[in-house]
Amino acid sequence: MKKQLFGNNIAPSCAYCAHSKHEGSSQFCEVNRTLKNGRCKKFTYNPIMRAPYGSAPLPAYDEEEFVL
């Protein structure tokens, strides 16, 4: 089996399904499906729709650390 972009064990979510449509602040399924017991038969992973996590904040430095 070929390894997918974010691994082979991707939990189904309408947020990054290929059949999901976003209009404004609402989201709906094109094939009129819903998640039942955490599963959807029509779930197709689309990595383009996945929102990246925010980056970690940079640590604060003192001027004394840059003095030679």
N, C-alpha and C. Protein backbone atom coordinates (compact mmCIF):
# COMPACT_ATOMS: atom_id res chain seq x y z
N MET A 1 0.84 -1.18 0.00
CA MET A 1 0.00 0.00 0.00
C MET A 1 0.88 1.24 0.00
N LYS A 2 0.53 2.18 -0.80
CA LYS A 2 1.27 3.43 -0.92
C LYS A 2 0.98 4.34 0.28
N LYS A 3 2.03 4.95 0.85
CA LYS A 3 1.85 5.85 1.98
C LYS A 3 1.32 7.19 1.50
N GLN A 4 0.28 7.66 2.17
CA GLN A 4 -0.34 8.93 1.79
C GLN A 4 0.44 10.08 2.39
N LEU A 5 0.04 11.29 2.05
CA LEU A 5 0.77 12.50 2.43
C LEU A 5 0.88 12.67 3.94
N PHE A 6 -0.21 12.49 4.69
CA PHE A 6 -0.18 12.64 6.14
C PHE A 6 -0.35 11.30 6.84
N GLY A 7 0.00 10.19 6.19
CA GLY A 7 -0.12 8.87 6.79
C GLY A 7 -1.36 8.15 6.27
N ASN A 8 -1.44 6.86 6.53
CA ASN A 8 -2.54 6.05 6.04
C ASN A 8 -3.73 6.01 7.00
N ASN A 9 -3.56 6.45 8.22
CA ASN A 9 -4.63 6.40 9.22
C ASN A 9 -5.22 7.78 9.46
N ILE A 10 -5.88 8.33 8.45
CA ILE A 10 -6.49 9.65 8.56
C ILE A 10 -7.94 9.48 8.98
N ALA A 11 -8.29 10.08 10.10
CA ALA A 11 -9.67 9.99 10.58
C ALA A 11 -10.58 10.81 9.68
N PRO A 12 -11.71 10.26 9.26
CA PRO A 12 -12.62 11.01 8.39
C PRO A 12 -13.16 12.27 9.06
N SER A 13 -13.15 13.34 8.32
CA SER A 13 -13.70 14.60 8.78
C SER A 13 -14.21 15.36 7.57
N CYS A 14 -15.35 15.97 7.70
CA CYS A 14 -15.92 16.74 6.59
C CYS A 14 -15.08 17.97 6.28
N ALA A 15 -14.23 18.40 7.20
CA ALA A 15 -13.41 19.59 6.99
C ALA A 15 -12.42 19.40 5.86
N TYR A 16 -11.92 18.18 5.63
CA TYR A 16 -10.96 17.94 4.56
C TYR A 16 -11.35 16.76 3.67
N CYS A 17 -12.64 16.66 3.39
CA CYS A 17 -13.16 15.65 2.46
C CYS A 17 -13.30 16.28 1.07
N ALA A 18 -13.06 15.51 0.03
CA ALA A 18 -13.15 16.02 -1.34
C ALA A 18 -14.59 16.36 -1.72
N HIS A 19 -15.58 15.79 -1.03
CA HIS A 19 -16.98 16.03 -1.34
C HIS A 19 -17.58 17.17 -0.53
N SER A 20 -16.78 17.84 0.28
CA SER A 20 -17.26 18.91 1.14
C SER A 20 -17.21 20.24 0.40
N LYS A 21 -18.21 21.06 0.63
CA LYS A 21 -18.26 22.40 0.05
C LYS A 21 -18.40 23.41 1.17
N HIS A 22 -17.70 24.52 1.04
CA HIS A 22 -17.75 25.60 2.02
C HIS A 22 -18.36 26.83 1.36
N GLU A 23 -19.41 27.33 1.94
CA GLU A 23 -20.03 28.57 1.47
C GLU A 23 -20.15 29.51 2.65
N GLY A 24 -19.29 30.49 2.67
CA GLY A 24 -19.26 31.43 3.79
C GLY A 24 -18.79 30.72 5.05
N SER A 25 -19.62 30.72 6.08
CA SER A 25 -19.25 30.05 7.33
C SER A 25 -19.89 28.67 7.44
N SER A 26 -20.70 28.27 6.44
CA SER A 26 -21.35 26.96 6.50
C SER A 26 -20.60 25.94 5.63
N GLN A 27 -20.79 24.69 5.96
CA GLN A 27 -20.13 23.60 5.26
C GLN A 27 -21.15 22.48 5.05
N PHE A 28 -21.18 21.89 3.87
CA PHE A 28 -22.10 20.79 3.63
C PHE A 28 -21.48 19.79 2.68
N CYS A 29 -22.09 18.61 2.59
CA CYS A 29 -21.59 17.51 1.77
C CYS A 29 -22.33 17.50 0.43
N GLU A 30 -21.58 17.35 -0.67
CA GLU A 30 -22.19 17.32 -2.00
C GLU A 30 -23.03 16.06 -2.22
N VAL A 31 -22.65 14.96 -1.59
CA VAL A 31 -23.35 13.69 -1.80
C VAL A 31 -24.34 13.40 -0.67
N ASN A 32 -24.66 14.42 0.15
CA ASN A 32 -25.64 14.35 1.24
C ASN A 32 -25.36 13.21 2.22
N ARG A 33 -24.12 13.11 2.66
CA ARG A 33 -23.73 12.11 3.66
C ARG A 33 -23.37 12.81 4.96
N THR A 34 -23.42 12.05 6.05
CA THR A 34 -22.98 12.53 7.36
C THR A 34 -22.10 11.47 7.98
N LEU A 35 -21.31 11.88 8.96
CA LEU A 35 -20.48 10.93 9.69
C LEU A 35 -21.34 10.13 10.65
N LYS A 36 -21.26 8.81 10.56
CA LYS A 36 -21.97 7.93 11.48
C LYS A 36 -20.95 7.04 12.16
N ASN A 37 -20.87 7.13 13.48
CA ASN A 37 -19.89 6.39 14.27
C ASN A 37 -18.46 6.69 13.81
N GLY A 38 -18.21 7.93 13.39
CA GLY A 38 -16.87 8.33 12.97
C GLY A 38 -16.48 7.83 11.60
N ARG A 39 -17.45 7.35 10.79
CA ARG A 39 -17.14 6.81 9.47
C ARG A 39 -18.07 7.40 8.42
N CYS A 40 -17.58 7.45 7.21
CA CYS A 40 -18.36 7.88 6.06
C CYS A 40 -17.91 7.05 4.86
N LYS A 41 -18.84 6.43 4.18
CA LYS A 41 -18.49 5.56 3.05
C LYS A 41 -17.94 6.34 1.87
N LYS A 42 -18.32 7.59 1.73
CA LYS A 42 -17.90 8.41 0.60
C LYS A 42 -16.69 9.31 0.91
N PHE A 43 -16.07 9.14 2.08
CA PHE A 43 -14.95 10.00 2.47
C PHE A 43 -13.77 9.80 1.51
N THR A 44 -13.30 10.90 0.95
CA THR A 44 -12.11 10.92 0.10
C THR A 44 -11.23 12.05 0.59
N TYR A 45 -10.02 11.71 1.02
CA TYR A 45 -9.12 12.69 1.60
C TYR A 45 -8.61 13.66 0.54
N ASN A 46 -8.66 14.94 0.85
CA ASN A 46 -8.16 15.99 -0.02
C ASN A 46 -7.18 16.84 0.78
N PRO A 47 -5.85 16.67 0.59
CA PRO A 47 -4.88 17.40 1.41
C PRO A 47 -4.91 18.91 1.19
N ILE A 48 -5.46 19.37 0.07
CA ILE A 48 -5.54 20.81 -0.19
C ILE A 48 -6.49 21.49 0.80
N MET A 49 -7.52 20.80 1.25
CA MET A 49 -8.52 21.39 2.14
C MET A 49 -8.10 21.37 3.60
N ARG A 50 -7.01 20.71 3.93
CA ARG A 50 -6.57 20.60 5.31
C ARG A 50 -5.93 21.92 5.76
N ALA A 51 -6.38 22.45 6.88
CA ALA A 51 -5.83 23.71 7.41
C ALA A 51 -4.60 23.39 8.26
N PRO A 52 -3.48 24.06 8.02
CA PRO A 52 -2.28 23.79 8.81
C PRO A 52 -2.42 24.31 10.23
N TYR A 53 -1.72 23.68 11.13
CA TYR A 53 -1.69 24.15 12.51
C TYR A 53 -0.84 25.41 12.58
N GLY A 54 -1.10 26.24 13.57
CA GLY A 54 -0.32 27.46 13.75
C GLY A 54 1.10 27.13 14.20
N SER A 55 2.03 27.99 13.87
CA SER A 55 3.41 27.76 14.26
C SER A 55 3.62 28.14 15.72
N ALA A 56 4.63 27.53 16.32
CA ALA A 56 4.95 27.80 17.72
C ALA A 56 5.55 29.20 17.84
N PRO A 57 5.26 29.91 18.92
CA PRO A 57 5.84 31.25 19.09
C PRO A 57 7.35 31.17 19.31
N LEU A 58 8.07 32.15 18.80
CA LEU A 58 9.52 32.20 18.97
C LEU A 58 9.86 32.62 20.39
N PRO A 59 10.93 32.05 20.94
CA PRO A 59 11.31 32.44 22.30
C PRO A 59 11.88 33.87 22.33
N ALA A 60 11.75 34.52 23.46
CA ALA A 60 12.28 35.87 23.63
C ALA A 60 13.77 35.79 23.97
N TYR A 61 14.57 36.65 23.35
CA TYR A 61 16.01 36.66 23.59
C TYR A 61 16.40 37.92 24.34
N ASP A 62 17.47 37.82 25.12
CA ASP A 62 18.05 38.98 25.80
C ASP A 62 19.22 39.50 24.98
N GLU A 63 19.53 40.77 25.14
CA GLU A 63 20.68 41.36 24.46
C GLU A 63 21.97 40.74 24.93
N GLU A 64 22.03 40.24 26.16
CA GLU A 64 23.25 39.65 26.70
C GLU A 64 23.65 38.38 25.96
N GLU A 65 22.73 37.70 25.33
CA GLU A 65 23.04 36.49 24.61
C GLU A 65 23.82 36.76 23.34
N PHE A 66 23.75 38.00 22.82
CA PHE A 66 24.42 38.33 21.57
C PHE A 66 25.72 39.09 21.78
N VAL A 67 26.13 39.31 23.01
CA VAL A 67 27.38 40.03 23.32
C VAL A 67 28.54 39.03 23.28
N LEU A 68 29.61 39.44 22.57
CA LEU A 68 30.81 38.57 22.51
C LEU A 68 31.78 38.89 23.60
